[in-house]
Amino acid sequence: MLGCDFSAVVEDCDEVLFIGSGGFHPAGIALHSGKRVVAADPFTLRVSVFNAEDLRMRRILTVERGFFRCVVRHPCMH
């Protein structure tokens, strides 16, 4: 994969195996394809799993948490 063009991901598969370092690209592949991505990092010898639904839920919760903090800490609210 070159750059962040996730359209290169083959859609007619059950899962995707990503070999490389970092979590940015595997997360992007999972979100783009909706498939589970198993990421094998040859530098750290770690394997991680990225699930599109879990990533979407985490993103929603993070945004909601940030919005709540903004509302609670707003100077007009005190």
C-alpha atoms as a PDB file:
ATOM      1  CA  MET A   1       0.000   0.000   0.000  1.00  0.00           C
ATOM      2  CA  LEU A   2       1.322   3.385  -0.913  1.00  0.00           C
ATOM      3  CA  GLY A   3       0.101   6.427   0.988  1.00  0.00           C
ATOM      4  CA  CYS A   4      -3.421   6.367   2.392  1.00  0.00           C
ATOM      5  CA  ASP A   5      -5.338   5.111  -0.642  1.00  0.00           C
ATOM      6  CA  PHE A   6      -7.485   2.438   0.955  1.00  0.00           C
ATOM      7  CA  SER A   7      -9.227   1.648  -2.332  1.00  0.00           C
ATOM      8  CA  ALA A   8      -6.421  -0.843  -3.018  1.00  0.00           C
ATOM      9  CA  VAL A   9      -7.929  -3.173  -0.387  1.00  0.00           C
ATOM     10  CA  VAL A  10      -9.533  -6.225  -1.971  1.00  0.00           C
ATOM     11  CA  GLU A  11     -13.218  -6.312  -1.053  1.00  0.00           C
ATOM     12  CA  ASP A  12     -13.917  -9.998  -1.773  1.00  0.00           C
ATOM     13  CA  CYS A  13     -12.154 -11.361   1.303  1.00  0.00           C
ATOM     14  CA  ASP A  14     -13.224 -12.134   4.858  1.00  0.00           C
ATOM     15  CA  GLU A  15     -10.328 -10.415   6.644  1.00  0.00           C
ATOM     16  CA  VAL A  16      -7.251  -8.366   5.800  1.00  0.00           C
ATOM     17  CA  LEU A  17      -3.685  -9.090   6.873  1.00  0.00           C
ATOM     18  CA  PHE A  18      -1.587  -5.931   7.226  1.00  0.00           C
ATOM     19  CA  ILE A  19       2.174  -6.345   7.590  1.00  0.00           C
ATOM     20  CA  GLY A  20       3.859  -3.154   8.717  1.00  0.00           C
ATOM     21  CA  SER A  21       4.344  -0.880  11.693  1.00  0.00           C
ATOM     22  CA  GLY A  22       1.894   1.413  13.444  1.00  0.00           C
ATOM     23  CA  GLY A  23      -1.851   1.381  13.820  1.00  0.00           C
ATOM     24  CA  PHE A  24      -2.914   4.269  11.570  1.00  0.00           C
ATOM     25  CA  HIS A  25      -3.100   2.327   8.295  1.00  0.00           C
ATOM     26  CA  PRO A  26      -4.708  -0.848   9.709  1.00  0.00           C
ATOM     27  CA  ALA A  27      -7.366   1.295  11.414  1.00  0.00           C
ATOM     28  CA  GLY A  28      -8.009   3.129   8.139  1.00  0.00           C
ATOM     29  CA  ILE A  29      -8.305  -0.138   6.241  1.00  0.00           C
ATOM     30  CA  ALA A  30     -10.797  -1.468   8.800  1.00  0.00           C
ATOM     31  CA  LEU A  31     -12.903   1.691   8.652  1.00  0.00           C
ATOM     32  CA  HIS A  32     -12.799   1.837   4.840  1.00  0.00           C
ATOM     33  CA  SER A  33     -13.523  -1.830   4.180  1.00  0.00           C
ATOM     34  CA  GLY A  34     -15.649  -2.727   7.212  1.00  0.00           C
ATOM     35  CA  LYS A  35     -13.530  -5.848   7.612  1.00  0.00           C
ATOM     36  CA  ARG A  36     -11.474  -7.117  10.506  1.00  0.00           C
ATOM     37  CA  VAL A  37      -7.792  -6.311  10.021  1.00  0.00           C
ATOM     38  CA  VAL A  38      -5.028  -8.367  11.602  1.00  0.00           C
ATOM     39  CA  ALA A  39      -1.887  -6.246  11.791  1.00  0.00           C
ATOM     40  CA  ALA A  40       1.487  -7.972  12.151  1.00  0.00           C
ATOM     41  CA  ASP A  41       4.326  -5.633  13.074  1.00  0.00           C
ATOM     42  CA  PRO A  42       7.656  -7.180  12.007  1.00  0.00           C
ATOM     43  CA  PHE A  43       9.641  -4.653  14.069  1.00  0.00           C
ATOM     44  CA  THR A  44       7.962  -5.189  17.447  1.00  0.00           C
ATOM     45  CA  LEU A  45       6.813  -8.773  16.715  1.00  0.00           C
ATOM     46  CA  ARG A  46       3.304  -7.842  17.897  1.00  0.00           C
ATOM     47  CA  VAL A  47      -0.027  -8.725  16.364  1.00  0.00           C
ATOM     48  CA  SER A  48      -3.047  -6.422  16.755  1.00  0.00           C
ATOM     49  CA  VAL A  49      -6.642  -6.749  15.601  1.00  0.00           C
ATOM     50  CA  PHE A  50      -8.645  -3.787  14.274  1.00  0.00           C
ATOM     51  CA  ASN A  51     -12.413  -4.134  14.090  1.00  0.00           C
ATOM     52  CA  ALA A  52     -14.348  -1.440  12.185  1.00  0.00           C
ATOM     53  CA  GLU A  53     -17.346  -1.428  14.536  1.00  0.00           C
ATOM     54  CA  ASP A  54     -15.139  -1.088  17.632  1.00  0.00           C
ATOM     55  CA  LEU A  55     -13.209   1.783  16.023  1.00  0.00           C
ATOM     56  CA  ARG A  56     -16.422   3.605  15.090  1.00  0.00           C
ATOM     57  CA  MET A  57     -17.826   3.203  18.602  1.00  0.00           C
ATOM     58  CA  ARG A  58     -14.576   4.445  20.163  1.00  0.00           C
ATOM     59  CA  ARG A  59     -14.631   7.479  17.853  1.00  0.00           C
ATOM     60  CA  ILE A  60     -18.240   8.311  18.796  1.00  0.00           C
ATOM     61  CA  LEU A  61     -17.525   7.975  22.515  1.00  0.00           C
ATOM     62  CA  THR A  62     -14.430  10.166  22.237  1.00  0.00           C
ATOM     63  CA  VAL A  63     -16.370  12.914  20.451  1.00  0.00           C
ATOM     64  CA  GLU A  64     -19.222  12.723  22.969  1.00  0.00           C
ATOM     65  CA  ARG A  65     -16.811  12.838  25.898  1.00  0.00           C
ATOM     66  CA  GLY A  66     -15.079  15.898  24.442  1.00  0.00           C
ATOM     67  CA  PHE A  67     -18.414  17.632  23.836  1.00  0.00           C
ATOM     68  CA  PHE A  68     -19.536  16.915  27.395  1.00  0.00           C
ATOM     69  CA  ARG A  69     -16.307  18.351  28.821  1.00  0.00           C
ATOM     70  CA  CYS A  70     -16.710  21.454  26.685  1.00  0.00           C
ATOM     71  CA  VAL A  71     -20.291  22.026  27.879  1.00  0.00           C
ATOM     72  CA  VAL A  72     -19.476  21.379  31.542  1.00  0.00           C
ATOM     73  CA  ARG A  73     -16.373  23.596  31.533  1.00  0.00           C
ATOM     74  CA  HIS A  74     -17.870  26.449  29.540  1.00  0.00           C
ATOM     75  CA  PRO A  75     -17.417  29.764  31.463  1.00  0.00           C
ATOM     76  CA  CYS A  76     -21.080  30.715  31.043  1.00  0.00           C
ATOM     77  CA  MET A  77     -22.121  27.542  32.830  1.00  0.00           C
ATOM     78  CA  HIS A  78     -20.498  28.527  36.154  1.00  0.00           C
END
